[in-house]
Amino acid sequence: MTATGRAAPVPAPGCALCAVPGDFGHRDLGEPRSGLCPACVAAGRPTRDGLEQAVVIVAGQSLAAAEALSLATAAPEELAYHLGAVKRGLRSVLQLLAPVGEDDP
């Protein structure tokens, strides 16, 4: 933690997005492209934060659509579709929380 109350930059062992090995500087939350390799910056790839926000938005939309569904009048196909959408959204969100690059025991 710095004197301004912000988290101090943490050195990363590789690119913060594609995990290619190397030293690409500290990851600064105030600078979206910090900690990225030159290939990711040149390709204009979205940052991990941007990808996480997109996944959460899409999952939220799927959940809102499923919540709006009337169970009493819904056809079985509608129920199956919305259940599948909620499952995919939940899986996407859980994959964001999964540790990256660790071996399974």
N, C-alpha and C. Protein backbone atom coordinates (compact mmCIF):
# COMPACT_ATOMS: atom_id res chain seq x y z
N MET A 1 0.84 -1.16 0.00
CA MET A 1 0.00 0.00 0.00
C MET A 1 0.89 1.23 0.00
N THR A 2 0.57 2.21 -0.84
CA THR A 2 1.36 3.43 -0.91
C THR A 2 0.79 4.47 0.05
N ALA A 3 1.45 5.62 0.14
CA ALA A 3 1.00 6.69 1.03
C ALA A 3 -0.33 7.28 0.56
N THR A 4 -0.64 7.17 -0.71
CA THR A 4 -1.89 7.72 -1.24
C THR A 4 -3.06 6.76 -1.04
N GLY A 5 -2.81 5.60 -0.46
CA GLY A 5 -3.86 4.64 -0.22
C GLY A 5 -4.08 3.66 -1.35
N ARG A 6 -3.31 3.78 -2.42
CA ARG A 6 -3.43 2.85 -3.55
C ARG A 6 -2.50 1.67 -3.35
N ALA A 7 -2.85 0.58 -3.96
CA ALA A 7 -2.01 -0.62 -3.87
C ALA A 7 -0.73 -0.39 -4.64
N ALA A 8 0.38 -0.81 -4.08
CA ALA A 8 1.66 -0.69 -4.75
C ALA A 8 1.71 -1.67 -5.92
N PRO A 9 2.35 -1.28 -7.03
CA PRO A 9 2.44 -2.18 -8.17
C PRO A 9 3.16 -3.47 -7.80
N VAL A 10 2.66 -4.56 -8.32
CA VAL A 10 3.23 -5.87 -8.04
C VAL A 10 3.98 -6.34 -9.28
N PRO A 11 5.26 -6.74 -9.14
CA PRO A 11 5.98 -7.21 -10.32
C PRO A 11 5.36 -8.50 -10.84
N ALA A 12 5.26 -8.59 -12.15
CA ALA A 12 4.66 -9.77 -12.76
C ALA A 12 5.74 -10.57 -13.49
N PRO A 13 5.65 -11.90 -13.46
CA PRO A 13 6.66 -12.73 -14.11
C PRO A 13 6.50 -12.79 -15.63
N GLY A 14 5.45 -12.21 -16.16
CA GLY A 14 5.22 -12.25 -17.60
C GLY A 14 4.13 -11.27 -17.98
N CYS A 15 3.66 -11.38 -19.21
CA CYS A 15 2.59 -10.52 -19.71
C CYS A 15 1.33 -10.75 -18.87
N ALA A 16 0.68 -9.68 -18.47
CA ALA A 16 -0.51 -9.78 -17.64
C ALA A 16 -1.70 -10.34 -18.40
N LEU A 17 -1.64 -10.37 -19.72
CA LEU A 17 -2.77 -10.85 -20.50
C LEU A 17 -2.53 -12.23 -21.09
N CYS A 18 -1.43 -12.40 -21.82
CA CYS A 18 -1.19 -13.68 -22.49
C CYS A 18 -0.21 -14.58 -21.74
N ALA A 19 0.36 -14.09 -20.65
CA ALA A 19 1.26 -14.84 -19.77
C ALA A 19 2.55 -15.30 -20.44
N VAL A 20 2.96 -14.64 -21.54
CA VAL A 20 4.24 -14.96 -22.14
C VAL A 20 5.34 -14.56 -21.14
N PRO A 21 6.35 -15.41 -20.94
CA PRO A 21 7.39 -15.09 -19.96
C PRO A 21 8.19 -13.85 -20.36
N GLY A 22 8.62 -13.13 -19.37
CA GLY A 22 9.43 -11.94 -19.60
C GLY A 22 9.13 -10.89 -18.57
N ASP A 23 9.91 -9.81 -18.59
CA ASP A 23 9.70 -8.71 -17.67
C ASP A 23 9.14 -7.53 -18.46
N PHE A 24 7.85 -7.26 -18.27
CA PHE A 24 7.18 -6.19 -19.00
C PHE A 24 6.77 -5.05 -18.07
N GLY A 25 7.44 -4.96 -16.96
CA GLY A 25 7.19 -3.89 -16.02
C GLY A 25 6.11 -4.24 -15.01
N HIS A 26 5.89 -3.31 -14.12
CA HIS A 26 4.91 -3.49 -13.06
C HIS A 26 3.50 -3.30 -13.61
N ARG A 27 2.56 -3.97 -13.00
CA ARG A 27 1.14 -3.83 -13.36
C ARG A 27 0.58 -2.69 -12.54
N ASP A 28 0.23 -1.59 -13.18
CA ASP A 28 -0.33 -0.42 -12.52
C ASP A 28 -1.81 -0.34 -12.88
N LEU A 29 -2.69 -0.41 -11.89
CA LEU A 29 -4.12 -0.41 -12.14
C LEU A 29 -4.60 0.89 -12.79
N GLY A 30 -3.84 1.96 -12.66
CA GLY A 30 -4.21 3.23 -13.28
C GLY A 30 -3.86 3.29 -14.75
N GLU A 31 -3.00 2.41 -15.21
CA GLU A 31 -2.57 2.38 -16.61
C GLU A 31 -3.00 1.06 -17.22
N PRO A 32 -4.01 1.07 -18.13
CA PRO A 32 -4.57 -0.19 -18.64
C PRO A 32 -3.59 -1.08 -19.40
N ARG A 33 -2.58 -0.55 -20.03
CA ARG A 33 -1.67 -1.36 -20.83
C ARG A 33 -0.38 -1.72 -20.10
N SER A 34 -0.28 -1.34 -18.83
CA SER A 34 0.94 -1.68 -18.08
C SER A 34 1.01 -3.17 -17.83
N GLY A 35 2.21 -3.73 -17.90
CA GLY A 35 2.41 -5.15 -17.65
C GLY A 35 2.13 -6.03 -18.85
N LEU A 36 1.80 -5.43 -20.01
CA LEU A 36 1.53 -6.21 -21.21
C LEU A 36 2.76 -6.28 -22.10
N CYS A 37 2.91 -7.39 -22.80
CA CYS A 37 4.03 -7.55 -23.72
C CYS A 37 3.80 -6.67 -24.96
N PRO A 38 4.86 -6.36 -25.71
CA PRO A 38 4.71 -5.53 -26.91
C PRO A 38 3.74 -6.12 -27.94
N ALA A 39 3.66 -7.45 -28.03
CA ALA A 39 2.74 -8.07 -29.00
C ALA A 39 1.29 -7.78 -28.64
N CYS A 40 0.95 -7.84 -27.38
CA CYS A 40 -0.43 -7.55 -26.95
C CYS A 40 -0.77 -6.08 -27.14
N VAL A 41 0.20 -5.21 -26.85
CA VAL A 41 -0.03 -3.78 -27.02
C VAL A 41 -0.20 -3.46 -28.51
N ALA A 42 0.67 -4.03 -29.36
CA ALA A 42 0.60 -3.77 -30.80
C ALA A 42 -0.68 -4.33 -31.41
N ALA A 43 -1.16 -5.45 -30.90
CA ALA A 43 -2.37 -6.06 -31.44
C ALA A 43 -3.62 -5.34 -30.95
N GLY A 44 -3.47 -4.45 -29.99
CA GLY A 44 -4.62 -3.73 -29.46
C GLY A 44 -5.58 -4.63 -28.71
N ARG A 45 -5.05 -5.68 -28.14
CA ARG A 45 -5.89 -6.61 -27.40
C ARG A 45 -6.49 -5.93 -26.18
N PRO A 46 -7.69 -6.32 -25.83
CA PRO A 46 -8.29 -5.72 -24.61
C PRO A 46 -7.54 -6.21 -23.38
N THR A 47 -7.57 -5.41 -22.36
CA THR A 47 -6.91 -5.80 -21.11
C THR A 47 -7.75 -6.86 -20.41
N ARG A 48 -7.14 -7.55 -19.47
CA ARG A 48 -7.87 -8.57 -18.70
C ARG A 48 -9.03 -7.93 -17.96
N ASP A 49 -8.84 -6.72 -17.45
CA ASP A 49 -9.93 -6.03 -16.75
C ASP A 49 -11.12 -5.83 -17.68
N GLY A 50 -10.83 -5.45 -18.93
CA GLY A 50 -11.90 -5.26 -19.90
C GLY A 50 -12.62 -6.56 -20.23
N LEU A 51 -11.85 -7.64 -20.35
CA LEU A 51 -12.45 -8.94 -20.62
C LEU A 51 -13.32 -9.39 -19.45
N GLU A 52 -12.84 -9.17 -18.23
CA GLU A 52 -13.61 -9.55 -17.06
C GLU A 52 -14.93 -8.78 -17.00
N GLN A 53 -14.88 -7.49 -17.28
CA GLN A 53 -16.09 -6.69 -17.26
C GLN A 53 -17.09 -7.17 -18.31
N ALA A 54 -16.59 -7.52 -19.50
CA ALA A 54 -17.47 -8.01 -20.56
C ALA A 54 -18.15 -9.32 -20.16
N VAL A 55 -17.39 -10.23 -19.56
CA VAL A 55 -17.96 -11.51 -19.13
C VAL A 55 -19.04 -11.29 -18.07
N VAL A 56 -18.77 -10.40 -17.13
CA VAL A 56 -19.75 -10.14 -16.07
C VAL A 56 -21.00 -9.49 -16.63
N ILE A 57 -20.86 -8.58 -17.60
CA ILE A 57 -22.02 -7.93 -18.21
C ILE A 57 -22.89 -8.95 -18.93
N VAL A 58 -22.27 -9.81 -19.74
CA VAL A 58 -23.03 -10.81 -20.49
C VAL A 58 -23.70 -11.80 -19.54
N ALA A 59 -22.99 -12.23 -18.51
CA ALA A 59 -23.59 -13.16 -17.54
C ALA A 59 -24.75 -12.50 -16.82
N GLY A 60 -24.63 -11.23 -16.50
CA GLY A 60 -25.72 -10.51 -15.85
C GLY A 60 -26.94 -10.38 -16.73
N GLN A 61 -26.71 -10.16 -18.03
CA GLN A 61 -27.83 -10.06 -18.96
C GLN A 61 -28.55 -11.41 -19.08
N SER A 62 -27.80 -12.49 -19.13
CA SER A 62 -28.40 -13.82 -19.20
C SER A 62 -29.22 -14.12 -17.95
N LEU A 63 -28.69 -13.73 -16.80
CA LEU A 63 -29.39 -13.96 -15.55
C LEU A 63 -30.67 -13.11 -15.48
N ALA A 64 -30.59 -11.87 -15.94
CA ALA A 64 -31.77 -11.00 -15.93
C ALA A 64 -32.86 -11.56 -16.84
N ALA A 65 -32.49 -12.07 -18.01
CA ALA A 65 -33.47 -12.66 -18.91
C ALA A 65 -34.11 -13.90 -18.30
N ALA A 66 -33.30 -14.71 -17.62
CA ALA A 66 -33.84 -15.92 -16.99
C ALA A 66 -34.76 -15.57 -15.83
N GLU A 67 -34.43 -14.52 -15.08
CA GLU A 67 -35.27 -14.11 -13.96
C GLU A 67 -36.60 -13.55 -14.44
N ALA A 68 -36.63 -12.95 -15.62
CA ALA A 68 -37.85 -12.37 -16.17
C ALA A 68 -38.79 -13.43 -16.73
N LEU A 69 -38.31 -14.63 -16.90
CA LEU A 69 -39.10 -15.71 -17.48
C LEU A 69 -40.17 -16.16 -16.48
N SER A 70 -41.40 -16.28 -16.96
CA SER A 70 -42.49 -16.76 -16.12
C SER A 70 -42.48 -18.29 -16.16
N LEU A 71 -42.19 -18.90 -15.03
CA LEU A 71 -42.11 -20.36 -14.98
C LEU A 71 -43.45 -21.02 -15.25
N ALA A 72 -44.55 -20.35 -14.91
CA ALA A 72 -45.87 -20.94 -15.08
C ALA A 72 -46.27 -21.06 -16.54
N THR A 73 -45.80 -20.13 -17.37
CA THR A 73 -46.23 -20.12 -18.77
C THR A 73 -45.13 -20.45 -19.76
N ALA A 74 -43.92 -20.69 -19.29
CA ALA A 74 -42.79 -20.93 -20.19
C ALA A 74 -42.86 -22.33 -20.80
N ALA A 75 -42.51 -22.38 -22.06
CA ALA A 75 -42.43 -23.67 -22.75
C ALA A 75 -41.15 -24.39 -22.30
N PRO A 76 -41.11 -25.71 -22.41
CA PRO A 76 -39.89 -26.44 -22.01
C PRO A 76 -38.65 -25.98 -22.76
N GLU A 77 -38.81 -25.58 -24.03
CA GLU A 77 -37.66 -25.11 -24.80
C GLU A 77 -37.10 -23.81 -24.22
N GLU A 78 -38.01 -22.91 -23.77
CA GLU A 78 -37.56 -21.66 -23.17
C GLU A 78 -36.83 -21.92 -21.86
N LEU A 79 -37.36 -22.83 -21.07
CA LEU A 79 -36.69 -23.16 -19.81
C LEU A 79 -35.30 -23.74 -20.06
N ALA A 80 -35.20 -24.63 -21.02
CA ALA A 80 -33.90 -25.25 -21.33
C ALA A 80 -32.92 -24.20 -21.84
N TYR A 81 -33.40 -23.29 -22.69
CA TYR A 81 -32.51 -22.25 -23.23
C TYR A 81 -31.98 -21.36 -22.11
N HIS A 82 -32.88 -20.86 -21.25
CA HIS A 82 -32.45 -19.95 -20.20
C HIS A 82 -31.60 -20.64 -19.14
N LEU A 83 -31.89 -21.89 -18.84
CA LEU A 83 -31.05 -22.64 -17.91
C LEU A 83 -29.64 -22.81 -18.49
N GLY A 84 -29.56 -23.11 -19.78
CA GLY A 84 -28.25 -23.22 -20.43
C GLY A 84 -27.50 -21.91 -20.44
N ALA A 85 -28.21 -20.79 -20.67
CA ALA A 85 -27.57 -19.47 -20.68
C ALA A 85 -27.01 -19.12 -19.30
N VAL A 86 -27.78 -19.42 -18.26
CA VAL A 86 -27.31 -19.15 -16.89
C VAL A 86 -26.10 -20.03 -16.57
N LYS A 87 -26.14 -21.28 -16.99
CA LYS A 87 -25.01 -22.20 -16.76
C LYS A 87 -23.75 -21.69 -17.45
N ARG A 88 -23.87 -21.25 -18.71
CA ARG A 88 -22.70 -20.73 -19.44
C ARG A 88 -22.16 -19.47 -18.79
N GLY A 89 -23.07 -18.59 -18.34
CA GLY A 89 -22.64 -17.36 -17.68
C GLY A 89 -21.91 -17.65 -16.38
N LEU A 90 -22.45 -18.57 -15.61
CA LEU A 90 -21.81 -18.94 -14.34
C LEU A 90 -20.45 -19.57 -14.59
N ARG A 91 -20.36 -20.43 -15.60
CA ARG A 91 -19.08 -21.06 -15.93
C ARG A 91 -18.05 -20.00 -16.32
N SER A 92 -18.45 -19.01 -17.12
CA SER A 92 -17.53 -17.95 -17.54
C SER A 92 -17.02 -17.15 -16.35
N VAL A 93 -17.93 -16.82 -15.43
CA VAL A 93 -17.53 -16.06 -14.25
C VAL A 93 -16.59 -16.89 -13.38
N LEU A 94 -16.89 -18.17 -13.20
CA LEU A 94 -16.02 -19.02 -12.38
C LEU A 94 -14.64 -19.20 -13.01
N GLN A 95 -14.57 -19.22 -14.34
CA GLN A 95 -13.27 -19.33 -15.00
C GLN A 95 -12.42 -18.09 -14.75
N LEU A 96 -13.07 -16.94 -14.58
CA LEU A 96 -12.31 -15.73 -14.25
C LEU A 96 -11.66 -15.85 -12.87
N LEU A 97 -12.35 -16.54 -11.97
CA LEU A 97 -11.86 -16.66 -10.61
C LEU A 97 -10.87 -17.80 -10.43
N ALA A 98 -10.78 -18.69 -11.41
CA ALA A 98 -9.89 -19.85 -11.31
C ALA A 98 -8.44 -19.39 -11.37
N PRO A 99 -7.58 -20.03 -10.60
CA PRO A 99 -6.15 -19.70 -10.67
C PRO A 99 -5.60 -20.02 -12.05
N VAL A 100 -4.75 -19.15 -12.54
CA VAL A 100 -4.16 -19.31 -13.87
C VAL A 100 -2.77 -19.88 -13.74
N GLY A 101 -2.48 -20.92 -14.52
CA GLY A 101 -1.12 -21.43 -14.59
C GLY A 101 -0.71 -22.35 -13.46
N GLU A 102 -1.64 -22.79 -12.64
CA GLU A 102 -1.28 -23.71 -11.57
C GLU A 102 -1.63 -25.12 -11.98
N ASP A 103 -0.80 -26.05 -11.58
CA ASP A 103 -1.06 -27.46 -11.89
C ASP A 103 -2.09 -28.01 -10.94
N ASP A 104 -2.97 -28.86 -11.45
CA ASP A 104 -3.96 -29.51 -10.60
C ASP A 104 -3.26 -30.58 -9.76
N PRO A 105 -3.62 -30.69 -8.48
CA PRO A 105 -2.97 -31.68 -7.62
C PRO A 105 -3.40 -33.08 -7.96
